[in-house]
Amino acid sequence: MHKLLTAFQKLRGSTTQPDAANFFTELARIFNAEPNNNTISLPLAEGSGSIKLTDTNNGLQVMTWDIQVMGVRQFKKIPVRPANGKFFTVIASLTPKHFQIRKREGTLLPDIVFMSADYPLIYTLLPGHKIKALIINISAEWIFREFRDADPDILFQAHDLFYEKKPLLYTEEASFTLHHNLEDMQELMSKGRTDPFYARTKTLSILHDIFRRLQTMPSSEKKDSNEQLQMKMLAVEKILDEYLDKNLPSIKAIAKQVALSESTLKRNFKKVYGISIYEFYLKKKMQLARHLLDQQPISVKEVAYMLGYEKTSNFITMFKKFYDFSPGALRKKLSME
């Protein structure tokens, strides 16, 4: 514990605010817009919607995206390199098909990225759909301050991150709890809820989920060392996406498409995503179902048919299993808002 307290003392008093204003200003330039009250409103020629920056002024900054672009946009994430201290960034693409996160060499990453803020990435924005995302910058000082009374294992995890010399990159598919936390945070903050207490509590919940996942992974997996495996798993994910409106082919058939044995595919898919292929497929299918119910003026029966369910009752049962409420209850809630 002495080692942890020493690290925290080293962080106290350091310059903890990253120059997120630079990235925000660069975004405004990209979209030919003028920032106003920490908000970038896209002009009609560029699209619609806005990007908002919330700065708590104590080591936590949250940027919420709720936009639609007219054409393809691709630009580099500006690495955050403060003069003192260390920063981490959480990037959550809530519309991963239209807000894509890539490494510099082009590798497409999953929808949740946790990394040291100096890691260079590329964002690709695609037209034709609402783009929703969260980008959270957190100082190491903020993490130590907020987690110092937490489970010691969590605190040691934060300590290991602080002393990691290489740029950190950790990616995952969001768990249901994490996905809902991110969705709620993005929705409320994009509507102008800039309460620092709300930003703090939501960020704590998100980081706690990520730290727990990091604890269960061997250190070798946290260092982004198996590029070929990652590419194979991303290829599998694309195959799953193609079958969201129909029955999934056998695992054996999928394994053949990516040149892996069935056992190797099962083992490594679970290693990368934390759940089985079928669980992941159902998760994606139910997320698409919820999106269709949220966005489209169509019946529950029509959504079931679009997702390949012959019986609407089977779709309703599966939806309730994932979300603890029925599609009809969701539709009723939306009609009341």
Protein backbone atom coordinates (compact mmCIF):
# COMPACT_ATOMS: atom_id res chain seq x y z
CA MET A 1 0.00 0.00 0.00
CA HIS A 2 2.96 2.33 0.65
CA LYS A 3 3.89 2.09 -3.03
CA LEU A 4 0.39 3.21 -4.01
CA LEU A 5 0.41 6.15 -1.60
CA THR A 6 3.81 7.23 -2.95
CA ALA A 7 2.43 7.19 -6.48
CA PHE A 8 -0.55 9.26 -5.43
CA GLN A 9 1.69 11.81 -3.68
CA LYS A 10 3.79 12.13 -6.86
CA LEU A 11 0.62 12.92 -8.78
CA ARG A 12 -0.75 15.51 -6.38
CA GLY A 13 -0.23 19.03 -7.55
CA SER A 14 0.80 18.02 -11.06
CA THR A 15 -0.67 19.61 -14.15
CA THR A 16 -3.64 17.35 -14.76
CA GLN A 17 -5.68 19.03 -17.47
CA PRO A 18 -4.96 17.72 -20.98
CA ASP A 19 -5.17 20.19 -23.82
CA ALA A 20 -8.54 18.81 -24.94
CA ALA A 21 -9.38 22.31 -26.13
CA ASN A 22 -6.93 21.75 -29.01
CA PHE A 23 -8.83 18.69 -30.20
CA PHE A 24 -12.15 20.48 -29.73
CA THR A 25 -10.89 23.45 -31.76
CA GLU A 26 -9.59 21.08 -34.46
CA LEU A 27 -12.99 19.39 -34.67
CA ALA A 28 -14.63 22.77 -35.13
CA ARG A 29 -12.21 23.49 -37.98
CA ILE A 30 -12.89 20.10 -39.61
CA PHE A 31 -16.63 20.78 -39.59
CA ASN A 32 -16.28 24.47 -40.55
CA ALA A 33 -18.02 25.50 -37.34
CA GLU A 34 -17.46 27.97 -34.53
CA PRO A 35 -17.49 26.56 -30.96
CA ASN A 36 -20.00 28.26 -28.69
CA ASN A 37 -20.20 27.54 -24.94
CA ASN A 38 -18.21 24.32 -25.37
CA THR A 39 -20.57 23.18 -28.14
CA ILE A 40 -19.87 22.56 -31.82
CA SER A 41 -23.08 22.71 -33.87
CA LEU A 42 -22.61 21.28 -37.35
CA PRO A 43 -23.64 23.69 -40.13
CA LEU A 44 -26.20 22.42 -42.66
CA ALA A 45 -23.52 21.95 -45.33
CA GLU A 46 -21.68 19.50 -43.03
CA GLY A 47 -24.61 17.65 -41.48
CA SER A 48 -26.59 18.12 -38.28
CA GLY A 49 -26.33 17.69 -34.52
CA SER A 50 -23.65 18.77 -32.07
CA ILE A 51 -20.53 17.81 -30.13
CA LYS A 52 -20.39 18.99 -26.50
CA LEU A 53 -17.41 19.26 -24.15
CA THR A 54 -17.89 19.06 -20.37
CA ASP A 55 -14.81 19.91 -18.29
CA THR A 56 -15.03 19.36 -14.53
CA ASN A 57 -11.72 21.25 -14.07
CA ASN A 58 -10.30 18.56 -11.79
CA GLY A 59 -8.94 15.94 -14.20
CA LEU A 60 -12.09 14.72 -15.95
CA GLN A 61 -13.36 15.80 -19.36
CA VAL A 62 -16.27 14.31 -21.29
CA MET A 63 -17.01 14.88 -24.98
CA THR A 64 -20.42 13.73 -26.25
CA TRP A 65 -21.14 13.25 -29.95
CA ASP A 66 -24.66 13.29 -31.38
CA ILE A 67 -24.29 14.17 -35.06
CA GLN A 68 -25.01 13.09 -38.62
CA VAL A 69 -22.49 13.88 -41.37
CA MET A 70 -23.12 14.60 -45.03
CA GLY A 71 -20.02 12.76 -46.28
CA VAL A 72 -17.20 10.50 -45.11
CA ARG A 73 -14.86 12.14 -42.58
CA GLN A 74 -11.55 10.70 -41.41
CA PHE A 75 -9.12 12.39 -39.07
CA LYS A 76 -6.51 11.61 -36.46
CA LYS A 77 -7.15 11.68 -32.74
CA ILE A 78 -4.76 14.21 -31.26
CA PRO A 79 -2.67 12.45 -28.57
CA VAL A 80 -2.96 14.08 -25.13
CA ARG A 81 0.51 14.72 -23.75
CA PRO A 82 0.31 16.94 -20.65
CA ALA A 83 3.53 18.44 -19.32
CA ASN A 84 3.14 16.49 -16.08
CA GLY A 85 1.12 13.51 -14.95
CA LYS A 86 -0.55 10.93 -17.14
CA PHE A 87 -3.92 10.72 -18.82
CA PHE A 88 -6.17 7.91 -20.00
CA THR A 89 -8.97 8.01 -22.54
CA VAL A 90 -12.16 5.98 -22.88
CA ILE A 91 -13.64 6.01 -26.38
CA ALA A 92 -17.09 4.51 -26.77
CA SER A 93 -18.68 4.27 -30.19
CA LEU A 94 -22.40 3.67 -29.64
CA THR A 95 -22.91 3.47 -33.42
CA PRO A 96 -19.80 1.46 -34.38
CA LYS A 97 -20.77 0.98 -38.04
CA HIS A 98 -20.78 4.75 -38.56
CA PHE A 99 -18.23 5.92 -35.96
CA GLN A 100 -15.24 3.66 -36.52
CA ILE A 101 -12.09 3.59 -34.40
CA ARG A 102 -8.91 2.45 -36.14
CA LYS A 103 -5.22 2.13 -35.44
CA ARG A 104 -2.87 4.04 -37.70
CA GLU A 105 -2.23 1.00 -39.90
CA GLY A 106 -5.97 0.64 -40.49
CA THR A 107 -6.96 -2.10 -38.02
CA LEU A 108 -10.61 -1.65 -37.01
CA LEU A 109 -11.09 -1.78 -33.23
CA PRO A 110 -14.14 -2.88 -31.17
CA ASP A 111 -16.65 -0.32 -29.89
CA ILE A 112 -14.98 0.30 -26.49
CA VAL A 113 -11.38 1.48 -26.25
CA PHE A 114 -9.49 2.27 -23.04
CA MET A 115 -5.98 3.61 -23.58
CA SER A 116 -3.27 5.93 -22.43
CA ALA A 117 -4.13 9.30 -23.94
CA ASP A 118 -0.91 9.44 -25.98
CA TYR A 119 -1.96 6.48 -28.15
CA PRO A 120 -2.57 7.64 -31.75
CA LEU A 121 -5.81 6.57 -33.43
CA ILE A 122 -7.91 7.45 -36.46
CA TYR A 123 -11.64 8.19 -36.43
CA THR A 124 -13.80 7.46 -39.48
CA LEU A 125 -17.30 8.96 -39.65
CA LEU A 126 -19.73 7.57 -42.23
CA PRO A 127 -22.91 9.26 -43.50
CA GLY A 128 -26.45 7.94 -43.54
CA HIS A 129 -26.96 7.35 -39.82
CA LYS A 130 -26.94 9.17 -36.49
CA ILE A 131 -23.46 9.04 -34.94
CA LYS A 132 -23.34 8.73 -31.16
CA ALA A 133 -20.14 8.48 -29.16
CA LEU A 134 -18.43 9.35 -25.88
CA ILE A 135 -14.80 10.38 -25.41
CA ILE A 136 -13.69 10.64 -21.78
CA ASN A 137 -10.27 11.96 -20.71
CA ILE A 138 -9.24 11.07 -17.15
CA SER A 139 -6.06 12.03 -15.36
CA ALA A 140 -4.12 9.46 -13.34
CA GLU A 141 -4.47 11.81 -10.37
CA TRP A 142 -8.26 11.73 -10.72
CA ILE A 143 -8.23 7.91 -10.83
CA PHE A 144 -6.10 7.63 -7.69
CA ARG A 145 -8.17 10.24 -5.87
CA GLU A 146 -11.53 8.64 -6.72
CA PHE A 147 -10.50 4.99 -6.28
CA ARG A 148 -8.29 5.27 -3.20
CA ASP A 149 -11.09 3.92 -0.96
CA ALA A 150 -12.10 1.21 -3.44
CA ASP A 151 -11.27 -2.48 -3.46
CA PRO A 152 -7.44 -2.73 -3.08
CA ASP A 153 -7.32 -4.89 -6.22
CA ILE A 154 -8.82 -2.02 -8.21
CA LEU A 155 -6.31 0.39 -6.72
CA PHE A 156 -3.42 -1.88 -7.62
CA GLN A 157 -4.80 -2.11 -11.16
CA ALA A 158 -4.73 1.71 -11.37
CA HIS A 159 -1.19 1.69 -10.02
CA ASP A 160 -0.05 -0.75 -12.73
CA LEU A 161 -1.56 1.48 -15.40
CA PHE A 162 0.22 4.53 -14.05
CA TYR A 163 3.63 2.84 -14.17
CA GLU A 164 3.14 1.20 -17.60
CA LYS A 165 5.77 2.82 -19.83
CA LYS A 166 4.42 1.68 -23.19
CA PRO A 167 1.26 3.30 -24.57
CA LEU A 168 -1.69 1.26 -23.33
CA LEU A 169 -4.44 0.03 -25.65
CA TYR A 170 -7.25 -2.16 -24.29
CA THR A 171 -10.33 -2.92 -26.38
CA GLU A 172 -13.53 -4.85 -25.77
CA GLU A 173 -17.14 -5.33 -26.71
CA ALA A 174 -19.19 -3.58 -24.04
CA SER A 175 -20.93 -5.71 -21.42
CA PHE A 176 -24.64 -5.02 -21.02
CA THR A 177 -24.05 -3.01 -17.85
CA LEU A 178 -21.31 -0.97 -19.45
CA HIS A 179 -23.28 -0.45 -22.66
CA HIS A 180 -26.30 0.90 -20.76
CA ASN A 181 -24.11 3.17 -18.62
CA LEU A 182 -22.51 4.59 -21.75
CA GLU A 183 -25.85 5.03 -23.54
CA ASP A 184 -27.39 6.82 -20.55
CA MET A 185 -24.39 9.08 -20.12
CA GLN A 186 -24.24 9.98 -23.81
CA GLU A 187 -27.96 10.66 -24.05
CA LEU A 188 -28.23 12.90 -20.98
CA MET A 189 -24.99 14.81 -21.48
CA SER A 190 -25.63 15.40 -25.18
CA LYS A 191 -28.91 17.05 -24.13
CA GLY A 192 -27.01 19.56 -22.02
CA ARG A 193 -26.78 17.86 -18.62
CA THR A 194 -23.33 19.10 -17.65
CA ASP A 195 -23.54 18.46 -13.91
CA PRO A 196 -19.95 17.55 -12.82
CA PHE A 197 -21.32 15.17 -10.16
CA TYR A 198 -23.23 13.20 -12.82
CA ALA A 199 -20.13 13.04 -15.06
CA ARG A 200 -18.07 11.84 -12.10
CA THR A 201 -20.44 9.07 -10.93
CA LYS A 202 -21.01 7.70 -14.44
CA THR A 203 -17.29 7.72 -15.23
CA LEU A 204 -16.55 5.87 -11.98
CA SER A 205 -19.04 3.15 -12.90
CA ILE A 206 -17.56 2.82 -16.41
CA LEU A 207 -13.96 2.64 -15.15
CA HIS A 208 -14.90 0.12 -12.46
CA ASP A 209 -16.30 -2.19 -15.15
CA ILE A 210 -13.18 -1.79 -17.31
CA PHE A 211 -10.77 -2.32 -14.40
CA ARG A 212 -12.57 -5.51 -13.40
CA ARG A 213 -12.14 -6.84 -16.94
CA LEU A 214 -8.47 -5.85 -16.98
CA GLN A 215 -7.88 -7.76 -13.74
CA THR A 216 -8.96 -11.03 -15.34
CA MET A 217 -6.67 -10.71 -18.37
CA PRO A 218 -3.05 -11.91 -18.52
CA SER A 219 -0.66 -8.98 -18.84
CA SER A 220 0.49 -10.20 -22.25
CA GLU A 221 -3.01 -9.66 -23.62
CA LYS A 222 -3.12 -6.05 -22.44
CA LYS A 223 -0.20 -5.08 -24.65
CA ASP A 224 -1.89 -5.60 -27.99
CA SER A 225 0.57 -8.27 -29.03
CA ASN A 226 -1.55 -10.67 -31.10
CA GLU A 227 -2.42 -8.68 -34.21
CA GLN A 228 -3.27 -11.69 -36.37
CA LEU A 229 -5.69 -13.09 -33.79
CA GLN A 230 -7.43 -9.75 -33.52
CA MET A 231 -7.85 -9.57 -37.30
CA LYS A 232 -9.35 -13.08 -37.36
CA MET A 233 -11.83 -12.21 -34.61
CA LEU A 234 -12.86 -9.00 -36.37
CA ALA A 235 -13.46 -11.09 -39.51
CA VAL A 236 -15.72 -13.37 -37.45
CA GLU A 237 -17.59 -10.34 -36.12
CA LYS A 238 -18.26 -9.17 -39.68
CA ILE A 239 -19.64 -12.61 -40.53
CA LEU A 240 -21.97 -12.43 -37.52
CA ASP A 241 -23.16 -8.97 -38.63
CA GLU A 242 -24.19 -10.45 -42.00
CA TYR A 243 -26.54 -12.90 -40.28
CA LEU A 244 -28.35 -10.62 -37.84
CA ASP A 245 -31.51 -10.90 -39.96
CA LYS A 246 -31.37 -14.68 -40.34
CA ASN A 247 -30.20 -17.87 -38.64
CA LEU A 248 -26.52 -18.10 -37.77
CA PRO A 249 -24.48 -20.74 -39.66
CA SER A 250 -22.73 -23.45 -37.67
CA ILE A 251 -19.56 -22.60 -35.75
CA LYS A 252 -17.77 -25.14 -37.91
CA ALA A 253 -18.77 -23.25 -41.07
CA ILE A 254 -17.65 -19.92 -39.58
CA ALA A 255 -14.33 -21.44 -38.51
CA LYS A 256 -13.74 -22.67 -42.05
CA GLN A 257 -14.30 -19.15 -43.44
CA VAL A 258 -11.54 -17.70 -41.23
CA ALA A 259 -9.18 -20.69 -41.60
CA LEU A 260 -9.30 -21.80 -37.96
CA SER A 261 -10.29 -25.04 -36.30
CA GLU A 262 -13.63 -25.00 -34.49
CA SER A 263 -12.00 -25.39 -31.06
CA THR A 264 -9.41 -22.67 -31.75
CA LEU A 265 -12.12 -20.28 -32.88
CA LYS A 266 -14.29 -20.89 -29.81
CA ARG A 267 -11.37 -20.55 -27.41
CA ASN A 268 -9.92 -17.39 -28.90
CA PHE A 269 -13.23 -15.66 -29.55
CA LYS A 270 -14.10 -15.97 -25.88
CA LYS A 271 -10.60 -14.79 -24.95
CA VAL A 272 -10.99 -11.62 -27.03
CA TYR A 273 -14.68 -10.79 -26.40
CA GLY A 274 -15.30 -12.40 -23.02
CA ILE A 275 -18.39 -14.36 -24.18
CA SER A 276 -19.14 -17.17 -26.62
CA ILE A 277 -19.80 -16.60 -30.32
CA TYR A 278 -23.50 -17.37 -29.96
CA GLU A 279 -23.89 -15.09 -26.91
CA PHE A 280 -22.13 -12.31 -28.82
CA TYR A 281 -24.36 -12.88 -31.87
CA LEU A 282 -27.53 -12.69 -29.77
CA LYS A 283 -26.26 -9.58 -28.02
CA LYS A 284 -25.70 -7.84 -31.38
CA LYS A 285 -29.10 -9.04 -32.62
CA MET A 286 -30.90 -7.65 -29.57
CA GLN A 287 -29.01 -4.36 -29.80
CA LEU A 288 -30.18 -4.07 -33.41
CA ALA A 289 -33.72 -4.92 -32.30
CA ARG A 290 -33.64 -2.16 -29.70
CA HIS A 291 -32.29 0.30 -32.25
CA LEU A 292 -35.09 -0.57 -34.68
CA LEU A 293 -37.70 -0.15 -31.95
CA ASP A 294 -36.11 3.17 -30.90
CA GLN A 295 -35.77 4.65 -34.37
CA GLN A 296 -38.34 3.12 -36.71
CA PRO A 297 -42.18 3.51 -36.71
CA ILE A 298 -42.72 -0.24 -37.15
CA SER A 299 -44.48 -2.85 -35.05
CA VAL A 300 -42.87 -5.43 -32.77
CA LYS A 301 -44.08 -8.13 -35.16
CA GLU A 302 -42.32 -6.41 -38.08
CA VAL A 303 -39.06 -6.10 -36.10
CA ALA A 304 -39.23 -9.82 -35.25
CA TYR A 305 -39.72 -10.65 -38.94
CA MET A 306 -36.82 -8.36 -39.98
CA LEU A 307 -34.53 -10.25 -37.57
CA GLY A 308 -35.48 -13.66 -38.91
CA TYR A 309 -37.91 -14.78 -36.19
CA GLU A 310 -40.81 -16.86 -37.52
CA LYS A 311 -42.68 -16.49 -34.23
CA THR A 312 -42.99 -13.06 -32.61
CA SER A 313 -43.31 -14.73 -29.20
CA ASN A 314 -39.78 -16.19 -29.54
CA PHE A 315 -38.40 -12.72 -30.31
CA ILE A 316 -40.22 -11.19 -27.32
CA THR A 317 -38.88 -13.91 -24.99
CA MET A 318 -35.29 -13.34 -26.15
CA PHE A 319 -35.63 -9.54 -25.94
CA LYS A 320 -36.91 -9.74 -22.35
CA LYS A 321 -34.04 -12.07 -21.45
CA PHE A 322 -31.54 -9.40 -22.51
CA TYR A 323 -33.23 -6.21 -21.33
CA ASP A 324 -35.59 -7.27 -18.49
CA PHE A 325 -38.50 -5.56 -20.25
CA SER A 326 -40.55 -6.43 -23.32
CA PRO A 327 -40.39 -4.74 -26.73
CA GLY A 328 -43.94 -3.53 -26.13
CA ALA A 329 -42.94 -1.89 -22.84
CA LEU A 330 -40.07 -0.12 -24.61
CA ARG A 331 -42.38 1.09 -27.40
CA LYS A 332 -44.88 2.36 -24.81
CA LYS A 333 -42.12 4.21 -22.92
CA LEU A 334 -40.90 5.86 -26.12
CA SER A 335 -44.42 6.96 -27.07
CA MET A 336 -44.77 8.72 -23.72
CA GLU A 337 -41.54 10.69 -24.04
